[in-house]
N, C-alpha and C. Protein backbone atom coordinates (compact mmCIF):
# COMPACT_ATOMS: atom_id res chain seq x y z
N MET A 1 112.66 107.89 32.21
CA MET A 1 113.71 108.84 32.53
C MET A 1 113.19 109.77 33.62
N LYS A 2 113.94 109.93 34.67
CA LYS A 2 113.59 110.85 35.75
C LYS A 2 114.37 112.14 35.53
N PRO A 3 113.68 113.25 35.21
CA PRO A 3 114.40 114.49 34.94
C PRO A 3 115.07 115.04 36.20
N GLU A 4 116.25 115.61 36.01
CA GLU A 4 116.97 116.22 37.12
C GLU A 4 116.44 117.63 37.33
N THR A 5 116.34 118.02 38.58
CA THR A 5 115.82 119.33 38.91
C THR A 5 116.89 120.40 38.70
N GLY A 6 116.49 121.53 38.14
CA GLY A 6 117.39 122.66 38.01
C GLY A 6 118.21 122.70 36.74
N ILE A 7 118.22 121.64 35.94
CA ILE A 7 118.98 121.64 34.70
C ILE A 7 118.09 122.17 33.59
N MET A 8 118.59 123.14 32.84
CA MET A 8 117.82 123.68 31.72
C MET A 8 118.06 122.82 30.49
N MET A 9 116.97 122.53 29.80
CA MET A 9 117.02 121.62 28.66
C MET A 9 116.50 122.31 27.41
N LYS A 10 116.75 121.67 26.27
CA LYS A 10 116.11 122.08 25.02
C LYS A 10 115.50 120.84 24.39
N LEU A 11 114.37 121.02 23.76
CA LEU A 11 113.68 119.94 23.06
C LEU A 11 114.17 119.93 21.62
N VAL A 12 114.61 118.77 21.14
CA VAL A 12 115.08 118.62 19.77
C VAL A 12 114.08 117.73 19.04
N VAL A 13 113.58 118.20 17.91
CA VAL A 13 112.64 117.43 17.09
C VAL A 13 113.26 117.25 15.71
N ILE A 14 113.35 116.00 15.26
CA ILE A 14 113.91 115.68 13.95
C ILE A 14 112.81 115.03 13.11
N VAL A 15 112.65 115.51 11.89
CA VAL A 15 111.69 114.94 10.95
C VAL A 15 112.44 114.04 9.98
N VAL A 16 111.95 112.81 9.80
CA VAL A 16 112.53 111.88 8.83
C VAL A 16 111.44 111.52 7.84
N VAL A 17 111.75 111.67 6.56
CA VAL A 17 110.78 111.37 5.51
C VAL A 17 111.33 110.23 4.66
N SER A 18 110.48 109.25 4.37
CA SER A 18 110.85 108.12 3.51
C SER A 18 110.27 108.35 2.12
N SER A 19 111.08 108.12 1.10
CA SER A 19 110.58 108.26 -0.27
C SER A 19 109.89 106.97 -0.69
N ALA A 20 109.26 107.00 -1.84
CA ALA A 20 108.59 105.81 -2.38
C ALA A 20 109.58 104.69 -2.65
N HIS A 21 110.86 105.02 -2.82
CA HIS A 21 111.89 104.02 -3.13
C HIS A 21 112.61 103.54 -1.87
N GLY A 22 112.15 103.96 -0.70
CA GLY A 22 112.74 103.51 0.55
C GLY A 22 113.87 104.37 1.08
N ALA A 23 114.29 105.38 0.32
CA ALA A 23 115.35 106.27 0.80
C ALA A 23 114.78 107.16 1.90
N LYS A 24 115.64 107.47 2.87
CA LYS A 24 115.21 108.33 3.97
C LYS A 24 116.07 109.58 4.00
N PHE A 25 115.47 110.69 4.30
CA PHE A 25 116.24 111.92 4.46
C PHE A 25 115.64 112.74 5.59
N HIS A 26 116.45 113.64 6.10
CA HIS A 26 116.08 114.46 7.26
C HIS A 26 115.86 115.90 6.79
N PRO A 27 114.62 116.29 6.49
CA PRO A 27 114.39 117.65 6.01
C PRO A 27 114.41 118.71 7.10
N GLY A 28 114.46 118.31 8.36
CA GLY A 28 114.45 119.34 9.37
C GLY A 28 114.85 118.88 10.75
N ARG A 29 115.47 119.80 11.47
CA ARG A 29 115.80 119.62 12.89
C ARG A 29 115.47 120.94 13.56
N TRP A 30 114.64 120.87 14.58
CA TRP A 30 114.24 122.07 15.30
C TRP A 30 114.61 121.92 16.77
N GLU A 31 115.03 123.03 17.36
CA GLU A 31 115.35 123.06 18.78
C GLU A 31 114.48 124.11 19.45
N PHE A 32 113.90 123.74 20.59
CA PHE A 32 113.04 124.64 21.35
C PHE A 32 113.54 124.71 22.79
N GLY A 33 113.59 125.87 23.34
CA GLY A 33 114.01 125.99 24.73
C GLY A 33 114.65 127.33 24.97
N PRO A 34 115.24 127.53 26.12
CA PRO A 34 115.39 126.55 27.20
C PRO A 34 114.10 126.35 27.99
N MET A 35 114.05 125.20 28.66
CA MET A 35 112.91 124.85 29.51
C MET A 35 113.41 123.90 30.59
N THR A 36 112.58 123.67 31.59
CA THR A 36 112.98 122.74 32.64
C THR A 36 113.00 121.32 32.08
N ALA A 37 113.71 120.43 32.74
CA ALA A 37 113.80 119.04 32.30
C ALA A 37 112.43 118.38 32.30
N GLU A 38 111.62 118.67 33.29
CA GLU A 38 110.28 118.08 33.37
C GLU A 38 109.41 118.52 32.19
N THR A 39 109.43 119.81 31.88
CA THR A 39 108.66 120.33 30.74
C THR A 39 109.15 119.72 29.44
N CYS A 40 110.46 119.61 29.28
CA CYS A 40 111.03 119.03 28.07
C CYS A 40 110.57 117.59 27.89
N GLU A 41 110.61 116.82 28.96
CA GLU A 41 110.18 115.42 28.89
C GLU A 41 108.71 115.32 28.47
N GLU A 42 107.87 116.18 29.02
CA GLU A 42 106.44 116.18 28.68
C GLU A 42 106.23 116.52 27.21
N ARG A 43 106.93 117.52 26.73
CA ARG A 43 106.76 117.94 25.34
C ARG A 43 107.32 116.91 24.36
N ALA A 44 108.41 116.25 24.71
CA ALA A 44 108.95 115.19 23.85
C ALA A 44 107.94 114.06 23.73
N ALA A 45 107.29 113.70 24.82
CA ALA A 45 106.27 112.65 24.79
C ALA A 45 105.08 113.06 23.92
N MET A 46 104.69 114.33 23.98
CA MET A 46 103.59 114.81 23.15
C MET A 46 103.94 114.71 21.67
N VAL A 47 105.16 115.08 21.31
CA VAL A 47 105.58 115.01 19.91
C VAL A 47 105.57 113.57 19.42
N GLN A 48 106.05 112.65 20.25
CA GLN A 48 106.10 111.24 19.84
C GLN A 48 104.71 110.67 19.59
N ARG A 49 103.68 111.23 20.23
CA ARG A 49 102.30 110.75 20.05
C ARG A 49 101.58 111.40 18.88
N MET A 50 102.18 112.41 18.28
CA MET A 50 101.51 113.14 17.20
C MET A 50 101.27 112.26 15.98
N ASP A 51 100.14 112.47 15.33
CA ASP A 51 99.86 111.79 14.06
C ASP A 51 100.69 112.46 12.97
N THR A 52 101.31 111.65 12.12
CA THR A 52 102.09 112.18 11.01
C THR A 52 101.71 111.42 9.74
N PRO A 53 102.00 112.00 8.58
CA PRO A 53 101.75 111.26 7.34
C PRO A 53 102.52 109.94 7.33
N VAL A 54 102.05 109.00 6.53
CA VAL A 54 102.63 107.65 6.48
C VAL A 54 104.13 107.69 6.18
N ASP A 55 104.56 108.61 5.33
CA ASP A 55 105.96 108.63 4.91
C ASP A 55 106.84 109.50 5.81
N GLN A 56 106.34 109.90 6.96
CA GLN A 56 107.09 110.82 7.82
C GLN A 56 107.08 110.34 9.26
N THR A 57 108.21 110.44 9.94
CA THR A 57 108.26 110.16 11.37
C THR A 57 108.91 111.34 12.09
N LEU A 58 108.51 111.53 13.33
CA LEU A 58 109.09 112.57 14.17
C LEU A 58 109.84 111.89 15.31
N THR A 59 111.04 112.35 15.56
CA THR A 59 111.81 111.89 16.71
C THR A 59 112.02 113.10 17.61
N ALA A 60 111.74 112.94 18.88
CA ALA A 60 111.91 114.04 19.82
C ALA A 60 112.70 113.55 21.02
N PHE A 61 113.65 114.36 21.46
CA PHE A 61 114.43 114.03 22.64
C PHE A 61 114.90 115.32 23.29
N CYS A 62 115.41 115.19 24.51
CA CYS A 62 115.87 116.35 25.26
C CYS A 62 117.39 116.35 25.35
N GLU A 63 117.96 117.54 25.27
CA GLU A 63 119.39 117.75 25.48
C GLU A 63 119.55 118.86 26.50
N THR A 64 120.68 118.86 27.18
CA THR A 64 120.96 120.01 28.02
C THR A 64 121.21 121.19 27.09
N VAL A 65 121.11 122.38 27.61
CA VAL A 65 121.33 123.56 26.79
C VAL A 65 122.73 123.53 26.19
N GLU A 66 123.67 122.85 26.86
CA GLU A 66 125.04 122.74 26.36
C GLU A 66 125.17 121.67 25.28
N GLY A 67 124.10 120.92 24.98
CA GLY A 67 124.12 119.96 23.89
C GLY A 67 124.33 118.51 24.29
N VAL A 68 124.17 118.17 25.57
CA VAL A 68 124.33 116.79 26.01
C VAL A 68 122.99 116.08 25.92
N ASN A 69 122.94 114.98 25.18
CA ASN A 69 121.70 114.23 24.99
C ASN A 69 121.34 113.51 26.29
N ILE A 70 120.11 113.70 26.75
CA ILE A 70 119.64 113.06 27.99
C ILE A 70 118.62 112.00 27.63
């Protein structure tokens, strides 16, 4: 993804936890920003590389401040 210059973004991080029985639930959604598109892209990549417990995954993506998923 090539970030557009001048657009303010927010970083959205969603935590998904799997139970021992295979059920999945979303215990949290966090939004950080505003920030430039380039900074948002860098931080989303850092979150995706983070080590997490076996039963937990992190999803990170960027949205415009108005809520449009990029």
